[in-house]
């Protein structure tokens, strides 16, 4: 029992010591396949893990209209690949929660759904600590959704540090 506990502590310590780099990205997003708000403002936080893996959390709030508000939250696993000098690419796979609220009378409704996303991204480092980020992901939302609530693509472009 003590050996198992010691092994787990050593594994966690090595993961924490190797994954010491993180980044914050402020970005703009554009969503396809939706009739209401297409543009959003968001943030991503990425934390490096061993072996070029990293975990990324993200938030995107869609620019509200008169009677609409949307919010996406996600957690992704990314594999960071150095393609050329300051250019890195990464495939991503994750889970997301999408919430949309419509307050127009008489059709008030609030819809929250869970889903999966997958996609590709790229980072170009303009200095050691600053970079431009671009990623495309496709969000697959749970199939118990109304007809107006569709799967959609999402393009995000941002500045990270």
Protein backbone atom coordinates (compact mmCIF):
# COMPACT_ATOMS: atom_id res chain seq x y z
CA UNK A 1 0.00 0.00 0.00
CA UNK A 2 2.77 2.42 0.91
CA UNK A 3 4.64 1.59 -2.32
CA UNK A 4 1.54 2.32 -4.38
CA UNK A 5 0.97 5.62 -2.61
CA UNK A 6 4.63 6.59 -3.06
CA UNK A 7 4.44 5.70 -6.77
CA UNK A 8 1.34 7.88 -7.25
CA UNK A 9 2.99 10.82 -5.45
CA UNK A 10 6.10 10.48 -7.62
CA UNK A 11 4.00 10.33 -10.81
CA UNK A 12 2.01 13.44 -9.86
CA UNK A 13 5.18 15.28 -8.89
CA UNK A 14 6.85 14.48 -12.20
CA UNK A 15 3.78 15.63 -14.13
CA UNK A 16 3.69 18.92 -12.19
CA UNK A 17 7.42 19.50 -12.63
CA UNK A 18 7.39 18.83 -16.37
CA UNK A 19 4.18 20.73 -17.15
CA UNK A 20 5.26 24.17 -16.04
CA UNK A 21 4.22 26.28 -19.00
CA UNK A 22 0.82 27.83 -19.46
CA UNK A 23 -0.68 30.49 -21.69
CA UNK A 24 -3.69 32.74 -21.86
CA UNK A 25 -5.34 33.66 -25.17
CA UNK A 26 -7.87 36.42 -25.79
CA UNK A 27 -9.73 35.80 -29.02
CA UNK A 28 -12.62 36.40 -31.38
CA UNK A 29 -14.78 33.56 -32.63
CA UNK A 30 -17.04 33.11 -35.63
CA UNK A 31 -19.66 30.36 -35.65
CA UNK A 32 -21.35 28.78 -38.67
CA UNK A 33 -24.80 27.19 -38.95
CA UNK A 34 -26.59 29.52 -36.56
CA UNK A 35 -29.27 32.08 -37.36
CA UNK A 36 -28.73 34.47 -34.45
CA UNK A 37 -25.34 35.69 -33.16
CA UNK A 38 -22.35 34.53 -35.18
CA UNK A 39 -19.52 36.50 -33.50
CA UNK A 40 -18.17 36.04 -30.00
CA UNK A 41 -15.44 37.21 -27.64
CA UNK A 42 -13.56 34.65 -25.61
CA UNK A 43 -10.55 33.41 -23.72
CA UNK A 44 -8.56 30.20 -23.64
CA UNK A 45 -6.21 28.92 -20.95
CA UNK A 46 -3.70 26.24 -21.97
CA UNK A 47 -1.54 24.24 -19.58
CA UNK A 48 1.33 22.07 -20.86
CA UNK A 49 1.55 18.44 -19.78
CA UNK A 50 4.40 16.01 -20.50
CA UNK A 51 5.04 14.59 -23.98
CA UNK A 52 3.71 17.58 -25.99
CA UNK A 53 0.22 17.17 -24.56
CA UNK A 54 -1.69 20.04 -23.01
CA UNK A 55 -5.08 20.67 -21.57
CA UNK A 56 -7.01 23.73 -22.67
CA UNK A 57 -10.12 25.31 -21.23
CA UNK A 58 -12.07 27.90 -23.15
CA UNK A 59 -14.97 30.28 -22.86
CA UNK A 60 -16.73 32.12 -25.69
CA UNK A 61 -19.56 34.61 -25.11
CA UNK A 62 -21.47 35.49 -28.25
CA UNK A 63 -22.19 39.14 -28.87
CA UNK A 64 -25.80 39.48 -27.75
CA UNK A 65 -28.60 40.73 -29.91
CA UNK A 66 -31.83 42.33 -28.74
CA UNK A 67 -33.22 39.08 -27.41
CA UNK A 68 -30.39 36.57 -27.57
CA UNK A 69 -27.34 35.50 -25.55
CA UNK A 70 -25.03 32.51 -26.13
CA UNK A 71 -22.15 31.01 -24.19
CA UNK A 72 -19.82 28.08 -24.94
CA UNK A 73 -17.56 26.42 -22.35
CA UNK A 74 -15.10 23.68 -23.24
CA UNK A 75 -12.21 21.50 -22.12
CA UNK A 76 -9.88 20.09 -24.77
CA UNK A 77 -6.84 17.87 -24.99
CA UNK A 78 -4.27 19.08 -27.54
CA UNK A 79 -1.12 17.55 -29.01
CA UNK A 80 1.42 20.34 -29.64
CA UNK A 81 3.65 19.78 -32.74
CA UNK A 82 6.52 22.04 -33.85
CA UNK A 83 6.08 22.31 -37.62
CA UNK A 84 8.68 24.97 -38.47
CA UNK A 85 10.75 27.31 -36.25
CA UNK A 86 8.08 29.51 -34.57
CA UNK A 87 5.06 27.68 -36.03
CA UNK A 88 3.23 25.04 -34.01
CA UNK A 89 0.12 23.03 -34.91
CA UNK A 90 -2.14 20.93 -32.75
CA UNK A 91 -5.08 18.59 -33.22
CA UNK A 92 -7.68 18.91 -30.48
CA UNK A 93 -10.41 16.75 -29.02
CA UNK A 94 -12.71 17.72 -26.17
CA UNK A 95 -16.07 18.21 -24.53
CA UNK A 96 -18.16 21.35 -24.48
CA UNK A 97 -21.31 22.86 -23.05
CA UNK A 98 -23.33 25.25 -25.16
CA UNK A 99 -25.99 27.52 -23.69
CA UNK A 100 -28.34 29.76 -25.65
CA UNK A 101 -30.99 32.02 -24.19
CA UNK A 102 -33.77 33.69 -26.15
CA UNK A 103 -35.93 36.25 -24.39
CA UNK A 104 -38.20 37.39 -27.22
CA UNK A 105 -41.88 37.21 -26.39
CA UNK A 106 -43.80 34.92 -26.78
CA UNK A 107 -41.09 32.32 -27.47
CA UNK A 108 -38.87 32.56 -24.38
CA UNK A 109 -36.52 29.61 -24.13
CA UNK A 110 -33.18 28.64 -22.67
CA UNK A 111 -31.31 25.69 -24.14
CA UNK A 112 -28.16 24.06 -22.70
CA UNK A 113 -26.59 21.03 -24.32
CA UNK A 114 -23.43 18.98 -23.91
CA UNK A 115 -21.36 17.91 -26.86
CA UNK A 116 -17.99 16.95 -28.25
CA UNK A 117 -15.61 18.94 -30.39
CA UNK A 118 -12.64 18.14 -32.59
CA UNK A 119 -10.43 20.25 -34.78
CA UNK A 120 -7.03 21.70 -35.65
CA UNK A 121 -5.16 24.75 -34.48
CA UNK A 122 -1.96 26.68 -35.09
CA UNK A 123 0.22 29.08 -33.12
CA UNK A 124 2.84 31.42 -34.51
CA UNK A 125 5.23 32.85 -31.91
CA UNK A 126 6.15 36.47 -32.60
CA UNK A 127 8.45 36.49 -29.53
CA UNK A 128 9.38 34.03 -26.79
CA UNK A 129 6.24 34.84 -24.81
CA UNK A 130 3.70 36.20 -27.34
CA UNK A 131 1.94 34.42 -30.16
CA UNK A 132 -0.98 34.55 -32.57
CA UNK A 133 -3.45 31.66 -32.31
CA UNK A 134 -5.88 30.28 -34.89
CA UNK A 135 -8.03 27.22 -34.51
CA UNK A 136 -10.99 25.57 -36.16
CA UNK A 137 -13.21 23.14 -34.36
CA UNK A 138 -16.45 21.39 -35.13
CA UNK A 139 -18.94 21.05 -32.28
CA UNK A 140 -21.24 18.05 -32.19
CA UNK A 141 -24.15 18.78 -29.86
CA UNK A 142 -26.38 16.18 -28.24
CA UNK A 143 -29.04 15.00 -30.70
CA UNK A 144 -32.02 15.80 -28.40
CA UNK A 145 -32.01 19.37 -29.64
CA UNK A 146 -34.70 21.36 -31.41
CA UNK A 147 -34.40 21.94 -35.15
CA UNK A 148 -32.91 25.43 -34.71
CA UNK A 149 -30.08 24.08 -32.52
CA UNK A 150 -27.54 22.59 -34.95
CA UNK A 151 -24.01 21.22 -34.88
CA UNK A 152 -21.66 24.00 -35.95
CA UNK A 153 -18.13 24.92 -36.92
CA UNK A 154 -16.20 27.51 -34.94
CA UNK A 155 -13.18 29.54 -36.05
CA UNK A 156 -11.20 31.36 -33.35
CA UNK A 157 -8.38 33.84 -33.84
CA UNK A 158 -6.56 35.43 -30.94
CA UNK A 159 -3.49 36.78 -29.25
CA UNK A 160 -1.75 34.77 -26.57
CA UNK A 161 0.87 35.37 -23.94
